[in-house]
PDB file of N, CA and C in Angstrom:
ATOM      1  N   MET A   1     -16.558  10.183  -0.759  1.00  0.00           N
ATOM      2  CA  MET A   1     -16.073   8.992  -1.577  1.00  0.00           C
ATOM      3  C   MET A   1     -15.305   8.068  -1.120  1.00  0.00           C
ATOM      4  N   ARG A   2     -15.805   6.947  -0.987  1.00  0.00           N
ATOM      5  CA  ARG A   2     -15.143   5.805  -0.631  1.00  0.00           C
ATOM      6  C   ARG A   2     -14.590   5.000  -1.403  1.00  0.00           C
ATOM      7  N   VAL A   3     -12.837   5.118  -1.352  1.00  0.00           N
ATOM      8  CA  VAL A   3     -11.741   4.899  -2.215  1.00  0.00           C
ATOM      9  C   VAL A   3     -11.010   4.032  -2.051  1.00  0.00           C
ATOM     10  N   LEU A   4     -10.734   2.786  -2.325  1.00  0.00           N
ATOM     11  CA  LEU A   4     -10.370   1.128  -2.474  1.00  0.00           C
ATOM     12  C   LEU A   4      -9.081   1.623  -3.012  1.00  0.00           C
ATOM     13  N   ILE A   5      -8.025   1.126  -2.179  1.00  0.00           N
ATOM     14  CA  ILE A   5      -6.473   1.704  -2.794  1.00  0.00           C
ATOM     15  C   ILE A   5      -5.782   0.199  -2.603  1.00  0.00           C
ATOM     16  N   THR A   6      -4.997   0.198  -3.357  1.00  0.00           N
ATOM     17  CA  THR A   6      -3.981  -0.949  -3.174  1.00  0.00           C
ATOM     18  C   THR A   6      -2.471  -0.502  -3.473  1.00  0.00           C
ATOM     19  N   GLY A   7      -1.358  -1.382  -2.840  1.00  0.00           N
ATOM     20  CA  GLY A   7      -0.403  -0.358  -2.143  1.00  0.00           C
ATOM     21  C   GLY A   7      -0.693   0.727  -1.243  1.00  0.00           C
ATOM     22  N   ALA A   8      -1.277   0.595  -0.496  1.00  0.00           N
ATOM     23  CA  ALA A   8      -1.147   1.699   0.806  1.00  0.00           C
ATOM     24  C   ALA A   8      -0.089   1.888   1.316  1.00  0.00           C
ATOM     25  N   ASN A   9       0.317   0.608   1.700  1.00  0.00           N
ATOM     26  CA  ASN A   9       1.537   0.672   2.506  1.00  0.00           C
ATOM     27  C   ASN A   9       2.570   0.825   2.053  1.00  0.00           C
ATOM     28  N   GLY A  10       3.060   0.995   0.564  1.00  0.00           N
ATOM     29  CA  GLY A  10       4.034   1.511   0.169  1.00  0.00           C
ATOM     30  C   GLY A  10       4.475   2.941   0.117  1.00  0.00           C
ATOM     31  N   PHE A  11       5.389   3.155  -1.220  1.00  0.00           N
ATOM     32  CA  PHE A  11       6.006   4.808  -0.481  1.00  0.00           C
ATOM     33  C   PHE A  11       4.896   5.997  -1.147  1.00  0.00           C
ATOM     34  N   ILE A  12       4.204   5.935  -2.068  1.00  0.00           N
ATOM     35  CA  ILE A  12       3.010   6.734  -2.456  1.00  0.00           C
ATOM     36  C   ILE A  12       1.809   6.347  -1.753  1.00  0.00           C
ATOM     37  N   GLY A  13       1.398   5.007  -1.886  1.00  0.00           N
ATOM     38  CA  GLY A  13       0.309   4.944  -0.633  1.00  0.00           C
ATOM     39  C   GLY A  13       0.443   5.702   0.772  1.00  0.00           C
ATOM     40  N   ARG A  14       1.738   5.392   1.375  1.00  0.00           N
ATOM     41  CA  ARG A  14       1.985   5.984   2.141  1.00  0.00           C
ATOM     42  C   ARG A  14       1.406   7.604   2.481  1.00  0.00           C
ATOM     43  N   ALA A  15       2.091   8.214   1.507  1.00  0.00           N
ATOM     44  CA  ALA A  15       1.352   9.721   1.246  1.00  0.00           C
ATOM     45  C   ALA A  15       0.228  10.200   1.049  1.00  0.00           C
ATOM     46  N   LEU A  16      -0.545   9.349   0.509  1.00  0.00           N
ATOM     47  CA  LEU A  16      -1.868   9.353  -0.184  1.00  0.00           C
ATOM     48  C   LEU A  16      -2.558   9.308   0.752  1.00  0.00           C
ATOM     49  N   VAL A  17      -2.967   8.206   1.484  1.00  0.00           N
ATOM     50  CA  VAL A  17      -3.756   7.873   2.452  1.00  0.00           C
ATOM     51  C   VAL A  17      -3.938   8.904   3.423  1.00  0.00           C
ATOM     52  N   PRO A  18      -2.849   9.839   4.067  1.00  0.00           N
ATOM     53  CA  PRO A  18      -3.737  11.074   5.141  1.00  0.00           C
ATOM     54  C   PRO A  18      -4.407  11.954   4.496  1.00  0.00           C
ATOM     55  N   ILE A  19      -3.859  12.384   2.706  1.00  0.00           N
ATOM     56  CA  ILE A  19      -4.482  12.945   2.560  1.00  0.00           C
ATOM     57  C   ILE A  19      -5.696  13.164   2.406  1.00  0.00           C
ATOM     58  N   LEU A  20      -6.516  11.667   1.626  1.00  0.00           N
ATOM     59  CA  LEU A  20      -7.556  11.261   1.399  1.00  0.00           C
ATOM     60  C   LEU A  20      -8.392  11.590   2.983  1.00  0.00           C
ATOM     61  N   ARG A  21      -7.926  10.990   3.982  1.00  0.00           N
ATOM     62  CA  ARG A  21      -8.035  11.024   5.199  1.00  0.00           C
ATOM     63  C   ARG A  21      -8.613  11.809   5.746  1.00  0.00           C
ATOM     64  N   ARG A  22      -7.916  13.289   5.425  1.00  0.00           N
ATOM     65  CA  ARG A  22      -8.130  14.565   5.507  1.00  0.00           C
ATOM     66  C   ARG A  22      -9.197  15.121   5.273  1.00  0.00           C
ATOM     67  N   GLU A  23      -9.859  14.204   4.058  1.00  0.00           N
ATOM     68  CA  GLU A  23     -10.521  14.951   3.149  1.00  0.00           C
ATOM     69  C   GLU A  23     -11.589  14.432   3.285  1.00  0.00           C
ATOM     70  N   GLY A  24     -11.819  13.617   4.230  1.00  0.00           N
ATOM     71  CA  GLY A  24     -12.915  13.110   4.516  1.00  0.00           C
ATOM     72  C   GLY A  24     -13.171  11.531   3.922  1.00  0.00           C
ATOM     73  N   HIS A  25     -12.414  11.304   3.202  1.00  0.00           N
ATOM     74  CA  HIS A  25     -13.159   9.787   2.508  1.00  0.00           C
ATOM     75  C   HIS A  25     -12.590   8.892   3.241  1.00  0.00           C
ATOM     76  N   PRO A  26     -13.846   7.888   3.309  1.00  0.00           N
ATOM     77  CA  PRO A  26     -13.219   6.620   3.971  1.00  0.00           C
ATOM     78  C   PRO A  26     -12.612   5.788   2.707  1.00  0.00           C
ATOM     79  N   LEU A  27     -11.474   4.897   3.553  1.00  0.00           N
ATOM     80  CA  LEU A  27     -10.948   4.269   2.800  1.00  0.00           C
ATOM     81  C   LEU A  27     -11.383   3.006   3.205  1.00  0.00           C
ATOM     82  N   ILE A  28     -10.279   1.870   1.851  1.00  0.00           N
ATOM     83  CA  ILE A  28     -10.642   0.672   2.096  1.00  0.00           C
ATOM     84  C   ILE A  28      -9.158   0.153   1.077  1.00  0.00           C
ATOM     85  N   ALA A  29      -8.528  -0.689   2.280  1.00  0.00           N
ATOM     86  CA  ALA A  29      -7.147  -0.720   1.716  1.00  0.00           C
ATOM     87  C   ALA A  29      -7.265  -2.687   1.244  1.00  0.00           C
ATOM     88  N   LEU A  30      -6.492  -3.078   0.255  1.00  0.00           N
ATOM     89  CA  LEU A  30      -6.242  -4.274   0.143  1.00  0.00           C
ATOM     90  C   LEU A  30      -4.576  -4.545   0.436  1.00  0.00           C
ATOM     91  N   VAL A  31      -4.621  -5.599   1.338  1.00  0.00           N
ATOM     92  CA  VAL A  31      -2.872  -5.266   1.804  1.00  0.00           C
ATOM     93  C   VAL A  31      -2.623  -6.769   2.131  1.00  0.00           C
ATOM     94  N   ARG A  32      -1.490  -7.313   2.130  1.00  0.00           N
ATOM     95  CA  ARG A  32      -0.587  -8.394   1.749  1.00  0.00           C
ATOM     96  C   ARG A  32      -0.549  -8.698   3.819  1.00  0.00           C
ATOM     97  N   SER A  33      -0.253  -8.290   4.354  1.00  0.00           N
ATOM     98  CA  SER A  33      -0.127  -7.931   5.791  1.00  0.00           C
ATOM     99  C   SER A  33      -1.264  -7.131   6.695  1.00  0.00           C
ATOM    100  N   MET A  34      -2.196  -7.692   7.410  1.00  0.00           N
ATOM    101  CA  MET A  34      -2.880  -6.759   8.383  1.00  0.00           C
ATOM    102  C   MET A  34      -2.569  -5.971   9.012  1.00  0.00           C
ATOM    103  N   GLU A  35      -0.717  -6.903   9.830  1.00  0.00           N
ATOM    104  CA  GLU A  35      -0.378  -6.250  10.581  1.00  0.00           C
ATOM    105  C   GLU A  35       0.123  -5.028  10.459  1.00  0.00           C
ATOM    106  N   ARG A  36       1.036  -5.236   9.652  1.00  0.00           N
ATOM    107  CA  ARG A  36       1.506  -4.006   8.762  1.00  0.00           C
ATOM    108  C   ARG A  36       0.202  -3.080   8.782  1.00  0.00           C
ATOM    109  N   ALA A  37      -0.443  -3.455   7.957  1.00  0.00           N
ATOM    110  CA  ALA A  37      -1.449  -2.298   7.549  1.00  0.00           C
ATOM    111  C   ALA A  37      -1.848  -1.599   8.938  1.00  0.00           C
ATOM    112  N   ARG A  38      -2.397  -2.429   9.939  1.00  0.00           N
ATOM    113  CA  ARG A  38      -2.889  -1.648  11.195  1.00  0.00           C
ATOM    114  C   ARG A  38      -1.275  -0.513  11.698  1.00  0.00           C
ATOM    115  N   SER A  39      -0.165  -1.266  11.577  1.00  0.00           N
ATOM    116  CA  SER A  39       0.796  -0.044  12.079  1.00  0.00           C
ATOM    117  C   SER A  39       0.892   1.034  11.240  1.00  0.00           C
ATOM    118  N   LEU A  40       0.358   0.902   9.753  1.00  0.00           N
ATOM    119  CA  LEU A  40       1.357   1.775   8.909  1.00  0.00           C
ATOM    120  C   LEU A  40      -0.151   2.906   8.788  1.00  0.00           C
ATOM    121  N   LEU A  41      -1.284   2.590   8.642  1.00  0.00           N
ATOM    122  CA  LEU A  41      -2.226   3.283   8.062  1.00  0.00           C
ATOM    123  C   LEU A  41      -3.155   3.787   9.203  1.00  0.00           C
ATOM    124  N   GLY A  42      -2.925   2.862  10.261  1.00  0.00           N
ATOM    125  CA  GLY A  42      -4.206   2.976  11.703  1.00  0.00           C
ATOM    126  C   GLY A  42      -5.566   2.249  11.434  1.00  0.00           C
ATOM    127  N   ALA A  43      -6.178   1.897  12.793  1.00  0.00           N
ATOM    128  CA  ALA A  43      -7.593   2.000  12.479  1.00  0.00           C
ATOM    129  C   ALA A  43      -8.589   2.436  11.720  1.00  0.00           C
ATOM    130  N   GLU A  44      -8.449   3.505  11.607  1.00  0.00           N
ATOM    131  CA  GLU A  44      -9.584   4.416  10.323  1.00  0.00           C
ATOM    132  C   GLU A  44     -10.046   4.002   8.925  1.00  0.00           C
ATOM    133  N   VAL A  45      -8.309   2.966   8.914  1.00  0.00           N
ATOM    134  CA  VAL A  45      -8.701   2.598   7.153  1.00  0.00           C
ATOM    135  C   VAL A  45      -8.850   1.017   7.397  1.00  0.00           C
ATOM    136  N   GLU A  46     -10.289   1.033   6.151  1.00  0.00           N
ATOM    137  CA  GLU A  46     -10.596  -0.637   6.632  1.00  0.00           C
ATOM    138  C   GLU A  46      -9.306  -1.476   5.882  1.00  0.00           C
ATOM    139  N   ALA A  47      -8.554  -2.421   6.499  1.00  0.00           N
ATOM    140  CA  ALA A  47      -7.749  -2.938   5.934  1.00  0.00           C
ATOM    141  C   ALA A  47      -8.571  -4.018   5.207  1.00  0.00           C
ATOM    142  N   VAL A  48      -8.485  -5.209   3.842  1.00  0.00           N
ATOM    143  CA  VAL A  48      -8.785  -6.451   3.708  1.00  0.00           C
ATOM    144  C   VAL A  48      -7.676  -7.164   3.452  1.00  0.00           C
ATOM    145  N   ALA A  49      -7.448  -8.167   3.708  1.00  0.00           N
ATOM    146  CA  ALA A  49      -6.352  -9.011   3.378  1.00  0.00           C
ATOM    147  C   ALA A  49      -6.506  -9.326   2.219  1.00  0.00           C
ATOM    148  N   LEU A  50      -5.188  -9.462   0.711  1.00  0.00           N
ATOM    149  CA  LEU A  50      -5.595 -10.062  -0.321  1.00  0.00           C
ATOM    150  C   LEU A  50      -5.806 -11.504  -0.501  1.00  0.00           C
ATOM    151  N   SER A  51      -5.559 -12.030   0.682  1.00  0.00           N
ATOM    152  CA  SER A  51      -5.657 -13.384   0.992  1.00  0.00           C
ATOM    153  C   SER A  51      -7.117 -13.893   1.601  1.00  0.00           C
ATOM    154  N   ALA A  52      -8.075 -12.613   1.340  1.00  0.00           N
ATOM    155  CA  ALA A  52      -9.442 -13.073   1.744  1.00  0.00           C
ATOM    156  C   ALA A  52     -10.369 -13.543   0.783  1.00  0.00           C
ATOM    157  N   SER A  53     -11.266 -14.230   0.821  1.00  0.00           N
ATOM    158  CA  SER A  53     -12.085 -15.248  -0.188  1.00  0.00           C
ATOM    159  C   SER A  53     -12.169 -14.321  -1.238  1.00  0.00           C
ATOM    160  N   ALA A  54     -12.740 -14.474  -2.253  1.00  0.00           N
ATOM    161  CA  ALA A  54     -12.849 -13.962  -3.518  1.00  0.00           C
ATOM    162  C   ALA A  54     -14.166 -13.061  -3.299  1.00  0.00           C
ATOM    163  N   HIS A  55     -15.249 -13.363  -2.485  1.00  0.00           N
ATOM    164  CA  HIS A  55     -16.261 -12.935  -2.268  1.00  0.00           C
ATOM    165  C   HIS A  55     -16.087 -11.683  -1.541  1.00  0.00           C
ATOM    166  N   ALA A  56     -15.155 -11.552  -0.615  1.00  0.00           N
ATOM    167  CA  ALA A  56     -14.644 -10.898   0.204  1.00  0.00           C
ATOM    168  C   ALA A  56     -13.962  -9.672  -0.565  1.00  0.00           C
ATOM    169  N   LEU A  57     -13.313  -9.965  -1.085  1.00  0.00           N
ATOM    170  CA  LEU A  57     -12.699  -8.963  -1.938  1.00  0.00           C
ATOM    171  C   LEU A  57     -13.798  -8.499  -3.111  1.00  0.00           C
ATOM    172  N   ARG A  58     -14.525  -8.921  -3.720  1.00  0.00           N
ATOM    173  CA  ARG A  58     -15.956  -8.547  -4.602  1.00  0.00           C
ATOM    174  C   ARG A  58     -16.365  -7.218  -3.903  1.00  0.00           C
ATOM    175  N   GLU A  59     -16.605  -8.035  -2.842  1.00  0.00           N
ATOM    176  CA  GLU A  59     -17.832  -7.037  -2.098  1.00  0.00           C
ATOM    177  C   GLU A  59     -17.227  -5.613  -1.557  1.00  0.00           C
ATOM    178  N   ALA A  60     -15.498  -5.344  -1.354  1.00  0.00           N
ATOM    179  CA  ALA A  60     -14.871  -4.572  -0.890  1.00  0.00           C
ATOM    180  C   ALA A  60     -14.711  -3.786  -2.156  1.00  0.00           C
ATOM    181  N   LEU A  61     -14.701  -4.159  -3.382  1.00  0.00           N
ATOM    182  CA  LEU A  61     -14.681  -3.224  -4.928  1.00  0.00           C
ATOM    183  C   LEU A  61     -15.967  -3.161  -4.579  1.00  0.00           C
ATOM    184  N   GLU A  62     -17.084  -3.758  -4.881  1.00  0.00           N
ATOM    185  CA  GLU A  62     -18.574  -3.221  -4.898  1.00  0.00           C
ATOM    186  C   GLU A  62     -19.119  -2.231  -3.998  1.00  0.00           C
ATOM    187  N   ARG A  63     -18.314  -1.852  -2.913  1.00  0.00           N
ATOM    188  CA  ARG A  63     -18.439  -0.571  -1.993  1.00  0.00           C
ATOM    189  C   ARG A  63     -17.944   0.568  -2.624  1.00  0.00           C
ATOM    190  N   SER A  64     -16.504   0.084  -3.129  1.00  0.00           N
ATOM    191  CA  SER A  64     -16.005   1.357  -3.362  1.00  0.00           C
ATOM    192  C   SER A  64     -16.545   2.034  -4.541  1.00  0.00           C
ATOM    193  N   ASP A  65     -16.412   3.781  -4.262  1.00  0.00           N
ATOM    194  CA  ASP A  65     -16.832   4.858  -5.716  1.00  0.00           C
ATOM    195  C   ASP A  65     -15.364   4.919  -6.647  1.00  0.00           C
ATOM    196  N   ALA A  66     -14.614   4.497  -6.027  1.00  0.00           N
ATOM    197  CA  ALA A  66     -13.270   5.114  -6.877  1.00  0.00           C
ATOM    198  C   ALA A  66     -12.262   3.895  -6.159  1.00  0.00           C
ATOM    199  N   VAL A  67     -11.392   3.391  -7.450  1.00  0.00           N
ATOM    200  CA  VAL A  67     -10.100   2.568  -7.017  1.00  0.00           C
ATOM    201  C   VAL A  67      -8.658   3.379  -7.607  1.00  0.00           C
ATOM    202  N   VAL A  68      -7.844   3.834  -5.892  1.00  0.00           N
ATOM    203  CA  VAL A  68      -6.507   3.901  -6.762  1.00  0.00           C
ATOM    204  C   VAL A  68      -5.465   2.466  -6.636  1.00  0.00           C
ATOM    205  N   ASN A  69      -5.082   2.178  -7.675  1.00  0.00           N
ATOM    206  CA  ASN A  69      -4.243   1.070  -7.752  1.00  0.00           C
ATOM    207  C   ASN A  69      -2.789   1.691  -7.936  1.00  0.00           C
ATOM    208  N   LEU A  70      -2.125   1.366  -6.792  1.00  0.00           N
ATOM    209  CA  LEU A  70      -0.392   1.946  -6.241  1.00  0.00           C
ATOM    210  C   LEU A  70       0.257   0.380  -6.136  1.00  0.00           C
ATOM    211  N   ALA A  71      -0.315  -0.755  -6.294  1.00  0.00           N
ATOM    212  CA  ALA A  71       0.533  -2.086  -6.298  1.00  0.00           C
ATOM    213  C   ALA A  71       1.262  -2.130  -7.404  1.00  0.00           C
ATOM    214  N   GLY A  72       2.860  -2.508  -7.234  1.00  0.00           N
ATOM    215  CA  GLY A  72       3.778  -3.086  -8.403  1.00  0.00           C
ATOM    216  C   GLY A  72       4.578  -3.716  -8.054  1.00  0.00           C
ATOM    217  N   GLU A  73       5.558  -4.048  -8.907  1.00  0.00           N
ATOM    218  CA  GLU A  73       6.979  -4.340  -8.031  1.00  0.00           C
ATOM    219  C   GLU A  73       7.783  -3.147  -7.643  1.00  0.00           C
ATOM    220  N   ARG A  74       8.731  -3.277  -6.961  1.00  0.00           N
ATOM    221  CA  ARG A  74       9.828  -2.533  -6.077  1.00  0.00           C
ATOM    222  C   ARG A  74      10.369  -1.494  -7.131  1.00  0.00           C
ATOM    223  N   SER A  75      10.337  -0.120  -7.440  1.00  0.00           N
ATOM    224  CA  SER A  75      10.877   1.059  -7.978  1.00  0.00           C
ATOM    225  C   SER A  75      12.215   0.222  -8.575  1.00  0.00           C
ATOM    226  N   ARG A  76      12.439   1.327  -9.697  1.00  0.00           N
ATOM    227  CA  ARG A  76      14.051   0.753  -9.903  1.00  0.00           C
ATOM    228  C   ARG A  76      15.007   1.747  -9.058  1.00  0.00           C
ATOM    229  N   ALA A  77      14.901   2.601  -8.363  1.00  0.00           N
ATOM    230  CA  ALA A  77      15.111   3.136  -7.483  1.00  0.00           C
ATOM    231  C   ALA A  77      15.559   2.676  -6.223  1.00  0.00           C
ATOM    232  N   ASP A  78      14.591   1.879  -5.621  1.00  0.00           N
ATOM    233  CA  ASP A  78      14.725   0.820  -4.515  1.00  0.00           C
ATOM    234  C   ASP A  78      16.026  -0.190  -4.887  1.00  0.00           C
ATOM    235  N   ALA A  79      15.541  -0.546  -6.059  1.00  0.00           N
ATOM    236  CA  ALA A  79      16.752  -1.395  -6.438  1.00  0.00           C
ATOM    237  C   ALA A  79      17.974  -0.679  -6.584  1.00  0.00           C
ATOM    238  N   GLY A  80      18.064   0.307  -7.071  1.00  0.00           N
ATOM    239  CA  GLY A  80      19.494   1.263  -7.163  1.00  0.00           C
ATOM    240  C   GLY A  80      20.194   1.667  -5.483  1.00  0.00           C
ATOM    241  N   ARG A  81      19.294   1.634  -5.081  1.00  0.00           N
ATOM    242  CA  ARG A  81      19.462   1.963  -3.304  1.00  0.00           C
ATOM    243  C   ARG A  81      19.846   0.679  -2.824  1.00  0.00           C
ATOM    244  N   ARG A  82      19.324  -0.365  -2.866  1.00  0.00           N
ATOM    245  CA  ARG A  82      19.976  -1.881  -2.861  1.00  0.00           C
ATOM    246  C   ARG A  82      21.497  -2.204  -2.684  1.00  0.00           C
ATOM    247  N   ARG A  83      21.573  -1.997  -4.321  1.00  0.00           N
ATOM    248  CA  ARG A  83      22.499  -1.943  -4.988  1.00  0.00           C
ATOM    249  C   ARG A  83      23.659  -1.133  -4.321  1.00  0.00           C
ATOM    250  N   ALA A  84      23.713  -0.459  -4.174  1.00  0.00           N
ATOM    251  CA  ALA A  84      24.452   0.911  -3.637  1.00  0.00           C
ATOM    252  C   ALA A  84      24.650   0.405  -2.121  1.00  0.00           C
ATOM    253  N   ALA A  85      23.908  -0.294  -1.517  1.00  0.00           N
ATOM    254  CA  ALA A  85      24.386  -0.261  -0.270  1.00  0.00           C
ATOM    255  C   ALA A  85      25.198  -1.841  -0.061  1.00  0.00           C
ATOM    256  N   GLU A  86      24.815  -2.630  -0.710  1.00  0.00           N
ATOM    257  CA  GLU A  86      25.638  -3.682  -1.350  1.00  0.00           C
ATOM    258  C   GLU A  86      27.066  -3.421  -1.348  1.00  0.00           C
ATOM    259  N   CYS A  87      26.901  -2.569  -1.993  1.00  0.00           N
ATOM    260  CA  CYS A  87      28.531  -1.812  -2.847  1.00  0.00           C
ATOM    261  C   CYS A  87      29.542  -1.503  -1.363  1.00  0.00           C
ATOM    262  N   TRP A  88      28.823  -0.799  -0.824  1.00  0.00           N
ATOM    263  CA  TRP A  88      29.162   0.066   0.007  1.00  0.00           C
ATOM    264  C   TRP A  88      29.573  -0.810   1.444  1.00  0.00           C
ATOM    265  N   SER A  89      29.056  -1.372   1.557  1.00  0.00           N
ATOM    266  CA  SER A  89      28.925  -2.884   2.353  1.00  0.00           C
ATOM    267  C   SER A  89      30.407  -3.584   1.886  1.00  0.00           C
ATOM    268  N   ARG A  90      30.769  -3.900   0.923  1.00  0.00           N
ATOM    269  CA  ARG A  90      31.790  -4.570   0.142  1.00  0.00           C
ATOM    270  C   ARG A  90      32.947  -3.545   0.092  1.00  0.00           C
ATOM    271  N   ALA A  91      33.038  -2.093   0.037  1.00  0.00           N
ATOM    272  CA  ALA A  91      34.013  -1.414   0.140  1.00  0.00           C
ATOM    273  C   ALA A  91      33.947  -1.479  -1.021  1.00  0.00           C
ATOM    274  N   ALA A  92      33.865  -1.753  -2.166  1.00  0.00           N
ATOM    275  CA  ALA A  92      34.244  -2.032  -3.696  1.00  0.00           C
ATOM    276  C   ALA A  92      33.063  -2.591  -4.658  1.00  0.00           C
ATOM    277  N   CYS A  93      32.942  -2.014  -5.466  1.00  0.00           N
ATOM    278  CA  CYS A  93      31.813  -2.533  -6.502  1.00  0.00           C
ATOM    279  C   CYS A  93      32.526  -2.586  -7.950  1.00  0.00           C
ATOM    280  N   SER A  94      32.106  -3.851  -8.849  1.00  0.00           N
ATOM    281  CA  SER A  94      32.688  -3.856  -9.907  1.00  0.00           C
ATOM    282  C   SER A  94      32.201  -3.055 -10.918  1.00  0.00           C
TER     283      SER A  94
END
């Protein structure tokens, strides 16, 4: 089953992609950065830039049997880690 994934470069996506590849599923990743996708996902995953034409995006969707949407804003845990790092660097938090 060909799977289209948004958020493939993210925390959950980076864990899901190898599992799906091991199971033999062809993957299409909608990505913001083609360079980052190549370095994180490898050449076996077809990457389609979100900045591509509407036709290219529609074509990728039409070739897919399933869609996994992992795209979204950064998690609260990420925000908490950033805040903790800022506090640590200032040696005190209010």
